Amino acid sequence: MLGALAVQSGCSRRSGDFGASKVEQLTSGPQHHWFGYYDKLQFDPTNRYVLGMAVDFEDRHPTPADAIGVGMVDRAAGNRWIPLATSRAWSWQQGCMLQWIPGSRDEIIFNDRERDSFVARILNVRTRATRTLPQPVYALSPDGAIAVTTDFARIGMIRYGYGYPVRGGDKEKPVFAAPADTGIWRMSVTSGQGSLILPLAKLMSWPGNRVLAPDAVHWTNHLLFSPDGSRVAFLHRWRESNRTRTRLLTCDPDGGNLFQINPGGTLSHFIWRDPTHLLAWASVPGRRGAGFYLFADRTRDVIPVGAGVMRENGHCTCLAGGRWVLNDTYASAGNRLQELYLYDTATKEKHSLGRFPMPARFEGGRRCDLHPRASADGRLVAFDSTHREGRRQMYLIDVTEIVTSNRGVKSRGGSQFSQGDPS
């Protein structure tokens, strides 16, 4: 029933659609397979190998003893699953930060646990040679030389589904609201040498005119380098009166030149479009309603994107070249359908790639968002879904026909990103 519903929903034709999308299943049971977050390199440079994780259960949050399998799908060998390693540092939403080292055809990186500490493993998928870095990683610079990371144990004690479980029980809570000895670290991927560049205590008191929520519990998450490696964006979050508040900050790779995107507004999922612009779901002061906006880093310039078309929050990615935005939606009320689509910034059309139902038991921190990931050339889209087997599996759609089309694009026309979009 679930599979039939997904096929039917994916075949609807609307203005801006190319018709039925061919959804290829990359993994199958009895294990559950997924990749997690949408801002990591899942495809190798040749698009032959697709990284993923495997686990035997899905009905609870992980404990420190629970291990997942780390592996990859060989698309040239009938989607054969190749086991590579295991990890005991993972979450349902973001996995173990598994990703290819940028530019490498051989090396991947992922987080693991050694006793009561978290580390990162760099594994050569051909020789299986492994080396260990003394801290876990969150994001890598575009050249693969620098990693930035956050406090996964702290997140695990604050928000299920995103951090890593610690010994002592999931009910343990951080004692200090914003300690000076934790926050965001920078680490050399070559040597493992690192330093704390943005303590939570500094973030709580930045920009300096007042102390921000001194009694609230603070943390950072969603770290991401700009495409040229010159800036790092991240979410600074704090919880007070049972309400979570968020601001999007950018900084230099050494933590300097902090800047707040969209002060006075709200922000959720974001992605770098280019070295100086970020696309984010936001509510902007002085503008009506929430939507996607393009923000210029270190300025107050902002333009709406997909107004009236991209109407829901989702996990957005800007494909190579900047014309296309890959996005998804959360499960809808009632039928719990999640939509996967491409938005054309040149024609301002949405091309639906399908709608996929998620069973009701996948909820909260254990839900299975689609979290779409694109190959570097923008021609392949991988995503996680429960629609076909009722368990997490990875799927693939070839979108070459869509993203290489110039239909509806004027010879002198630019993308909406450069021209703006009426709100």
Protein backbone atom coordinates (compact mmCIF):
# COMPACT_ATOMS: atom_id res chain seq x y z
CA MET A 1 0.00 0.00 0.00
CA LEU A 2 2.76 2.45 0.90
CA GLY A 3 4.69 1.73 -2.28
CA ALA A 4 1.59 2.05 -4.44
CA LEU A 5 0.75 5.40 -2.93
CA ALA A 6 4.24 6.70 -3.58
CA VAL A 7 4.20 5.59 -7.23
CA GLN A 8 0.81 7.15 -7.81
CA SER A 9 1.78 10.44 -6.22
CA GLY A 10 5.02 10.61 -8.14
CA CYS A 11 3.28 10.31 -11.52
CA SER A 12 1.09 13.38 -11.32
CA ARG A 13 1.70 15.94 -14.09
CA ARG A 14 1.51 19.63 -13.29
CA SER A 15 2.83 22.84 -14.80
CA GLY A 16 6.58 22.69 -14.48
CA ASP A 17 6.73 18.87 -14.14
CA PHE A 18 8.59 16.55 -16.50
CA GLY A 19 6.26 13.65 -15.71
CA ALA A 20 6.92 10.49 -13.75
CA SER A 21 10.32 10.28 -12.11
CA LYS A 22 12.16 6.99 -12.11
CA VAL A 23 12.92 6.13 -8.50
CA GLU A 24 15.69 3.56 -8.13
CA GLN A 25 16.03 1.69 -4.84
CA LEU A 26 19.68 1.57 -3.79
CA THR A 27 19.38 -0.55 -0.62
CA SER A 28 16.97 -3.11 0.77
CA GLY A 29 16.20 -5.00 3.97
CA PRO A 30 16.30 -6.70 6.30
CA GLN A 31 18.61 -3.97 7.61
CA HIS A 32 17.66 -0.30 7.66
CA HIS A 33 19.86 1.93 5.48
CA TRP A 34 20.13 5.70 5.38
CA PHE A 35 22.62 8.55 5.01
CA GLY A 36 21.23 11.34 7.14
CA TYR A 37 21.84 15.01 6.61
CA TYR A 38 21.66 16.86 3.31
CA ASP A 39 24.89 18.91 3.36
CA LYS A 40 27.49 16.12 3.13
CA LEU A 41 29.27 14.53 0.14
CA GLN A 42 27.49 11.19 -0.32
CA PHE A 43 28.69 10.49 -3.89
CA ASP A 44 32.30 9.85 -4.82
CA PRO A 45 33.70 12.05 -7.66
CA THR A 46 32.75 9.43 -10.28
CA ASN A 47 29.17 8.97 -8.97
CA ARG A 48 29.78 5.22 -8.85
CA TYR A 49 29.89 4.83 -5.07
CA VAL A 50 27.16 6.12 -2.74
CA LEU A 51 27.86 6.16 1.00
CA GLY A 52 25.35 4.95 3.59
CA MET A 53 24.81 3.44 7.02
CA ALA A 54 23.05 0.25 8.13
CA VAL A 55 21.42 -0.76 11.42
CA ASP A 56 19.25 -3.61 12.72
CA PHE A 57 16.61 -1.56 14.59
CA GLU A 58 14.60 1.64 14.17
CA ASP A 59 12.15 1.70 17.10
CA ARG A 60 14.25 3.55 19.70
CA HIS A 61 17.08 6.02 20.19
CA PRO A 62 20.62 4.62 20.16
CA THR A 63 22.64 3.85 23.27
CA PRO A 64 26.44 4.15 23.57
CA ALA A 65 26.71 0.42 22.86
CA ASP A 66 24.72 0.45 19.61
CA ALA A 67 26.87 0.15 16.49
CA ILE A 68 25.90 0.93 12.92
CA GLY A 69 27.51 -0.37 9.77
CA VAL A 70 29.29 2.12 7.51
CA GLY A 71 29.34 1.15 3.85
CA MET A 72 28.73 2.16 0.27
CA VAL A 73 26.60 1.14 -2.69
CA ASP A 74 28.42 0.17 -5.89
CA ARG A 75 26.15 1.42 -8.68
CA ALA A 76 28.28 -0.35 -11.29
CA ALA A 77 27.72 -3.74 -9.65
CA GLY A 78 23.93 -3.86 -9.37
CA ASN A 79 23.82 -1.62 -6.29
CA ARG A 80 25.90 -4.06 -4.27
CA TRP A 81 26.30 -3.03 -0.62
CA ILE A 82 29.96 -2.96 0.44
CA PRO A 83 30.53 -3.00 4.24
CA LEU A 84 33.45 -0.80 5.28
CA ALA A 85 33.46 -0.19 9.04
CA THR A 86 31.30 0.33 12.12
CA SER A 87 30.54 3.35 14.29
CA ARG A 88 29.13 3.85 17.78
CA ALA A 89 28.77 7.64 17.45
CA TRP A 90 25.61 8.38 15.51
CA SER A 91 22.11 9.82 15.51
CA TRP A 92 19.00 9.18 13.44
CA GLN A 93 18.94 12.61 11.82
CA GLN A 94 22.60 13.17 11.03
CA GLY A 95 24.13 9.71 11.22
CA CYS A 96 27.86 9.58 12.03
CA MET A 97 28.76 12.57 9.82
CA LEU A 98 29.81 10.10 7.11
CA GLN A 99 31.17 11.86 4.01
CA TRP A 100 33.82 11.70 1.32
CA ILE A 101 36.96 13.74 1.87
CA PRO A 102 36.43 16.52 -0.74
CA GLY A 103 38.17 15.67 -4.01
CA SER A 104 39.19 12.16 -2.91
CA ARG A 105 38.16 8.99 -4.72
CA ASP A 106 39.56 6.84 -1.93
CA GLU A 107 39.04 8.37 1.52
CA ILE A 108 35.96 8.86 3.64
CA ILE A 109 35.57 10.28 7.14
CA PHE A 110 33.07 9.49 9.89
CA ASN A 111 32.72 9.78 13.65
CA ASP A 112 33.17 6.97 16.14
CA ARG A 113 33.53 6.39 19.87
CA GLU A 114 36.62 5.40 21.86
CA ARG A 115 35.65 4.57 25.42
CA ASP A 116 33.83 7.70 26.58
CA SER A 117 35.24 10.05 23.94
CA PHE A 118 34.26 10.80 20.35
CA VAL A 119 36.79 10.67 17.52
CA ALA A 120 36.86 10.72 13.73
CA ARG A 121 38.07 7.90 11.48
CA ILE A 122 39.57 8.45 8.03
CA LEU A 123 39.23 5.26 5.99
CA ASN A 124 40.66 4.39 2.59
CA VAL A 125 37.83 2.43 0.94
CA ARG A 126 40.24 0.53 -1.32
CA THR A 127 43.04 -0.45 1.07
CA ARG A 128 40.94 -0.23 4.27
CA ALA A 129 43.80 1.66 5.93
CA THR A 130 42.42 3.75 8.80
CA ARG A 131 43.72 6.61 10.89
CA THR A 132 42.06 8.33 13.83
CA LEU A 133 41.64 12.03 14.61
CA PRO A 134 41.29 13.02 18.28
CA GLN A 135 37.98 14.86 17.80
CA PRO A 136 34.80 14.15 15.84
CA VAL A 137 34.01 16.22 12.75
CA TYR A 138 30.93 18.07 11.61
CA ALA A 139 31.95 19.81 8.38
CA LEU A 140 35.03 19.82 6.16
CA SER A 141 36.54 22.71 4.22
CA PRO A 142 36.24 22.43 0.42
CA ASP A 143 39.88 21.33 0.15
CA GLY A 144 39.44 18.72 2.88
CA ALA A 145 42.23 20.21 5.01
CA ILE A 146 40.23 21.67 7.91
CA ALA A 147 37.33 20.34 9.97
CA VAL A 148 35.01 22.23 12.27
CA THR A 149 33.02 20.46 14.93
CA THR A 150 30.67 20.94 17.85
CA ASP A 151 29.86 19.22 21.15
CA PHE A 152 27.90 16.12 20.13
CA ALA A 153 27.56 14.88 23.71
CA ARG A 154 25.99 18.17 24.75
CA ILE A 155 23.55 18.05 21.83
CA GLY A 156 22.72 14.45 22.73
CA MET A 157 21.70 15.55 26.21
CA ILE A 158 19.57 18.41 24.87
CA ARG A 159 17.95 17.20 21.66
CA TYR A 160 17.27 13.56 20.81
CA GLY A 161 18.01 12.55 17.24
CA TYR A 162 20.90 14.97 16.62
CA GLY A 163 23.68 14.39 19.15
CA TYR A 164 25.37 11.27 20.47
CA PRO A 165 24.31 9.37 23.61
CA VAL A 166 26.61 9.59 26.62
CA ARG A 167 27.18 7.11 29.39
CA GLY A 168 25.16 7.93 32.47
CA GLY A 169 21.76 7.95 30.82
CA ASP A 170 19.88 10.02 28.28
CA LYS A 171 18.18 11.99 31.05
CA GLU A 172 21.44 13.65 32.07
CA LYS A 173 21.38 17.40 31.37
CA PRO A 174 24.18 19.94 30.97
CA VAL A 175 24.96 21.68 34.25
CA PHE A 176 26.18 24.97 32.82
CA ALA A 177 24.15 27.19 30.50
CA ALA A 178 27.08 28.30 28.33
CA PRO A 179 30.47 26.92 29.42
CA ALA A 180 33.73 28.53 28.36
CA ASP A 181 35.35 25.16 27.57
CA THR A 182 33.00 23.93 24.85
CA GLY A 183 31.47 25.28 21.66
CA ILE A 184 32.95 25.13 18.14
CA TRP A 185 36.39 23.64 17.44
CA ARG A 186 38.66 23.81 14.42
CA MET A 187 40.93 20.83 13.62
CA SER A 188 43.56 19.98 11.03
CA VAL A 189 42.52 16.86 9.11
CA THR A 190 46.20 16.10 8.48
CA SER A 191 47.68 16.46 11.96
CA GLY A 192 44.63 16.30 14.21
CA GLN A 193 45.73 19.46 16.00
CA GLY A 194 42.82 21.63 16.98
CA SER A 195 41.59 24.49 19.11
CA LEU A 196 38.36 25.88 20.53
CA ILE A 197 37.55 28.89 18.33
CA LEU A 198 34.08 29.89 19.59
CA PRO A 199 33.24 29.03 23.21
CA LEU A 200 29.57 29.02 24.13
CA ALA A 201 30.32 31.63 26.77
CA LYS A 202 31.48 34.00 24.02
CA LEU A 203 28.42 33.33 21.87
CA MET A 204 26.11 33.99 24.80
CA SER A 205 27.65 37.44 25.28
CA TRP A 206 28.06 38.36 21.60
CA PRO A 207 27.74 41.01 20.15
CA GLY A 208 28.57 42.47 23.55
CA ASN A 209 25.73 44.85 24.26
CA ARG A 210 24.02 42.33 26.52
CA VAL A 211 24.25 38.77 27.82
CA LEU A 212 21.92 36.60 25.78
CA ALA A 213 19.62 34.39 27.90
CA PRO A 214 22.14 33.76 30.73
CA ASP A 215 19.91 31.14 32.38
CA ALA A 216 19.20 29.21 29.17
CA VAL A 217 21.07 26.13 27.91
CA HIS A 218 23.09 27.03 24.79
CA TRP A 219 24.51 24.87 22.02
CA THR A 220 25.64 25.01 18.37
CA ASN A 221 24.70 22.83 15.42
CA HIS A 222 24.55 22.71 11.60
CA LEU A 223 28.08 23.90 10.80
CA LEU A 224 28.89 24.45 7.12
CA PHE A 225 31.85 25.91 5.21
CA SER A 226 31.23 28.32 2.34
CA PRO A 227 32.12 26.91 -1.11
CA ASP A 228 35.49 28.70 -1.11
CA GLY A 229 36.27 27.88 2.52
CA SER A 230 36.50 31.52 3.57
CA ARG A 231 33.53 31.48 5.97
CA VAL A 232 31.69 29.07 8.27
CA ALA A 233 27.95 29.28 8.95
CA PHE A 234 26.30 27.69 11.98
CA LEU A 235 23.23 27.81 14.18
CA HIS A 236 23.53 29.13 17.72
CA ARG A 237 20.61 27.81 19.75
CA TRP A 238 19.37 28.17 23.29
CA ARG A 239 16.38 26.87 25.21
CA GLU A 240 14.52 28.99 27.73
CA SER A 241 11.01 28.55 29.15
CA ASN A 242 10.67 25.29 27.14
CA ARG A 243 11.14 27.22 23.89
CA THR A 244 14.09 26.84 21.53
CA ARG A 245 15.44 29.99 19.91
CA THR A 246 17.85 30.10 16.97
CA ARG A 247 20.12 32.54 15.20
CA LEU A 248 22.29 31.96 12.13
CA LEU A 249 25.85 33.23 12.48
CA THR A 250 28.82 33.27 10.11
CA CYS A 251 32.50 33.64 10.93
CA ASP A 252 35.98 33.22 9.53
CA PRO A 253 37.47 29.71 9.84
CA ASP A 254 39.39 30.87 12.91
CA GLY A 255 36.21 32.13 14.60
CA GLY A 256 36.79 35.80 13.83
CA ASN A 257 34.52 38.38 12.20
CA LEU A 258 31.26 37.05 13.59
CA PHE A 259 28.14 38.20 11.74
CA GLN A 260 24.44 37.53 12.34
CA ILE A 261 22.20 36.76 9.38
CA ASN A 262 18.66 38.16 9.61
CA PRO A 263 18.73 39.75 13.10
CA GLY A 264 15.26 40.17 14.54
CA GLY A 265 13.88 37.38 12.36
CA THR A 266 13.78 33.58 12.54
CA LEU A 267 15.76 31.01 10.58
CA SER A 268 15.74 27.27 9.96
CA HIS A 269 17.41 25.16 7.26
CA PHE A 270 20.07 26.88 5.19
CA ILE A 271 22.73 26.24 2.56
CA TRP A 272 25.51 28.27 0.94
CA ARG A 273 24.62 29.24 -2.63
CA ASP A 274 28.08 30.67 -3.33
CA PRO A 275 30.93 32.11 -1.24
CA THR A 276 28.92 35.19 -0.23
CA HIS A 277 25.24 34.16 -0.20
CA LEU A 278 23.11 31.78 1.88
CA LEU A 279 19.68 30.40 1.04
CA ALA A 280 17.51 29.85 4.12
CA TRP A 281 13.94 29.34 5.26
CA ALA A 282 13.24 32.43 7.34
CA SER A 283 10.86 35.04 8.62
CA VAL A 284 12.30 38.44 7.74
CA PRO A 285 11.35 41.58 9.66
CA GLY A 286 9.15 43.83 7.54
CA ARG A 287 8.14 41.04 5.15
CA ARG A 288 4.97 39.01 5.28
CA GLY A 289 5.14 35.35 6.29
CA ALA A 290 7.95 32.81 6.26
CA GLY A 291 9.63 31.64 3.08
CA PHE A 292 12.96 31.04 1.40
CA TYR A 293 15.28 34.03 1.17
CA LEU A 294 18.75 34.65 -0.22
CA PHE A 295 20.93 36.48 2.31
CA ALA A 296 24.20 38.22 1.47
CA ASP A 297 26.81 37.44 4.11
CA ARG A 298 28.15 40.44 6.06
CA THR A 299 25.49 42.76 4.59
CA ARG A 300 21.76 43.28 5.14
CA ASP A 301 20.86 42.50 1.52
CA VAL A 302 18.08 39.93 1.17
CA ILE A 303 15.76 38.80 -1.65
CA PRO A 304 12.89 36.27 -1.59
CA VAL A 305 13.27 33.02 -3.52
CA GLY A 306 10.40 30.87 -4.79
CA ALA A 307 7.70 33.14 -3.40
CA GLY A 308 4.33 31.40 -3.73
CA VAL A 309 5.99 28.21 -5.00
CA MET A 310 8.43 27.00 -2.34
CA ARG A 311 5.87 27.42 0.41
CA GLU A 312 7.15 24.98 3.03
CA ASN A 313 10.30 24.62 5.09
CA GLY A 314 12.67 21.98 3.78
CA HIS A 315 16.25 20.73 3.47
CA CYS A 316 17.49 22.88 0.59
CA THR A 317 20.54 22.44 -1.64
CA CYS A 318 21.73 24.72 -4.45
CA LEU A 319 22.92 22.59 -7.36
CA ALA A 320 26.10 23.35 -9.29
CA GLY A 321 25.65 26.41 -11.47
CA GLY A 322 23.12 28.04 -9.16
CA ARG A 323 20.01 27.71 -11.32
CA TRP A 324 18.37 24.82 -9.48
CA VAL A 325 17.32 24.35 -5.86
CA LEU A 326 16.78 20.80 -4.59
CA ASN A 327 14.35 20.62 -1.69
CA ASP A 328 11.90 18.48 0.26
CA THR A 329 9.01 18.97 2.67
CA TYR A 330 8.15 17.51 6.04
CA ALA A 331 5.41 14.87 6.24
CA SER A 332 2.00 16.44 5.69
CA ALA A 333 -0.85 16.05 8.16
CA GLY A 334 -3.14 13.11 7.52
CA ASN A 335 -1.53 11.17 4.66
CA ARG A 336 2.01 12.05 5.86
CA LEU A 337 3.35 12.66 2.36
CA GLN A 338 6.83 14.13 1.92
CA GLU A 339 7.45 15.89 -1.38
CA LEU A 340 10.76 15.91 -3.22
CA TYR A 341 11.23 18.56 -5.89
CA LEU A 342 13.51 20.81 -7.91
CA TYR A 343 12.87 24.54 -8.17
CA ASP A 344 14.05 26.40 -11.28
CA THR A 345 15.19 29.91 -10.35
CA ALA A 346 15.21 30.91 -14.04
CA THR A 347 11.60 29.98 -14.89
CA LYS A 348 10.28 30.04 -11.30
CA GLU A 349 8.72 26.60 -11.77
CA LYS A 350 8.69 23.62 -9.42
CA HIS A 351 9.39 20.17 -10.84
CA SER A 352 7.98 17.52 -8.51
CA LEU A 353 10.05 14.35 -8.27
CA GLY A 354 7.50 12.48 -6.16
CA ARG A 355 5.61 12.36 -2.88
CA PHE A 356 6.52 9.62 -0.44
CA PRO A 357 4.46 8.54 2.60
CA MET A 358 6.11 8.02 5.98
CA PRO A 359 4.47 5.64 8.51
CA ALA A 360 3.23 7.31 11.69
CA ARG A 361 5.68 5.40 13.91
CA PHE A 362 8.53 7.47 12.46
CA GLU A 363 8.15 10.61 14.53
CA GLY A 364 10.12 13.15 16.54
CA GLY A 365 13.86 12.52 16.60
CA ARG A 366 13.36 9.12 14.93
CA ARG A 367 11.50 10.45 11.89
CA CYS A 368 12.91 9.75 8.43
CA ASP A 369 13.17 13.02 6.52
CA LEU A 370 14.01 12.72 2.83
CA HIS A 371 17.14 14.87 3.31
CA PRO A 372 17.91 14.95 -0.45
CA ARG A 373 21.58 14.97 -1.48
CA ALA A 374 22.85 15.80 -4.96
CA SER A 375 25.92 14.53 -6.74
CA ALA A 376 28.61 17.13 -7.42
CA ASP A 377 27.47 17.53 -11.03
CA GLY A 378 23.84 17.94 -9.93
CA ARG A 379 22.56 15.10 -12.11
CA LEU A 380 21.78 12.52 -9.42
CA VAL A 381 19.66 12.88 -6.30
CA ALA A 382 19.80 10.42 -3.39
CA PHE A 383 17.32 10.46 -0.52
CA ASP A 384 16.19 8.42 2.49
CA SER A 385 12.62 7.15 2.65
CA THR A 386 10.37 4.60 4.35
CA HIS A 387 7.74 4.51 1.60
CA ARG A 388 8.51 1.17 -0.07
CA GLU A 389 9.47 -1.23 2.72
CA GLY A 390 8.19 0.59 5.78
CA ARG A 391 11.83 0.90 6.88
CA ARG A 392 14.63 3.34 6.10
CA GLN A 393 16.22 2.72 2.72
CA MET A 394 18.14 4.85 0.23
CA TYR A 395 16.78 5.78 -3.18
CA LEU A 396 18.11 7.50 -6.30
CA ILE A 397 16.62 9.67 -9.05
CA ASP A 398 18.47 10.68 -12.21
CA VAL A 399 17.46 14.30 -12.86
CA THR A 400 19.78 14.88 -15.84
CA GLU A 401 16.86 15.53 -18.21
CA ILE A 402 15.53 18.27 -15.95
CA VAL A 403 18.70 20.10 -14.94
CA THR A 404 20.20 20.14 -18.46
CA SER A 405 17.05 21.57 -20.06
CA ASN A 406 16.95 25.21 -21.16
CA ARG A 407 13.19 25.15 -21.59
CA GLY A 408 11.63 28.51 -20.79
CA VAL A 409 14.96 30.29 -20.27
CA LYS A 410 15.43 33.49 -22.27
CA SER A 411 18.76 33.88 -24.02
CA ARG A 412 19.72 36.89 -21.92
CA GLY A 413 17.86 35.91 -18.78
CA GLY A 414 19.64 35.19 -15.53
CA SER A 415 18.54 33.17 -12.57
CA GLN A 416 16.14 34.47 -9.99
CA PHE A 417 19.05 34.56 -7.55
CA SER A 418 20.57 37.46 -9.45
CA GLN A 419 17.38 39.28 -10.40
CA GLY A 420 15.26 38.98 -7.30
CA ASP A 421 11.71 37.75 -7.01
CA PRO A 422 8.58 39.79 -6.29
CA SER A 423 7.14 39.07 -2.88
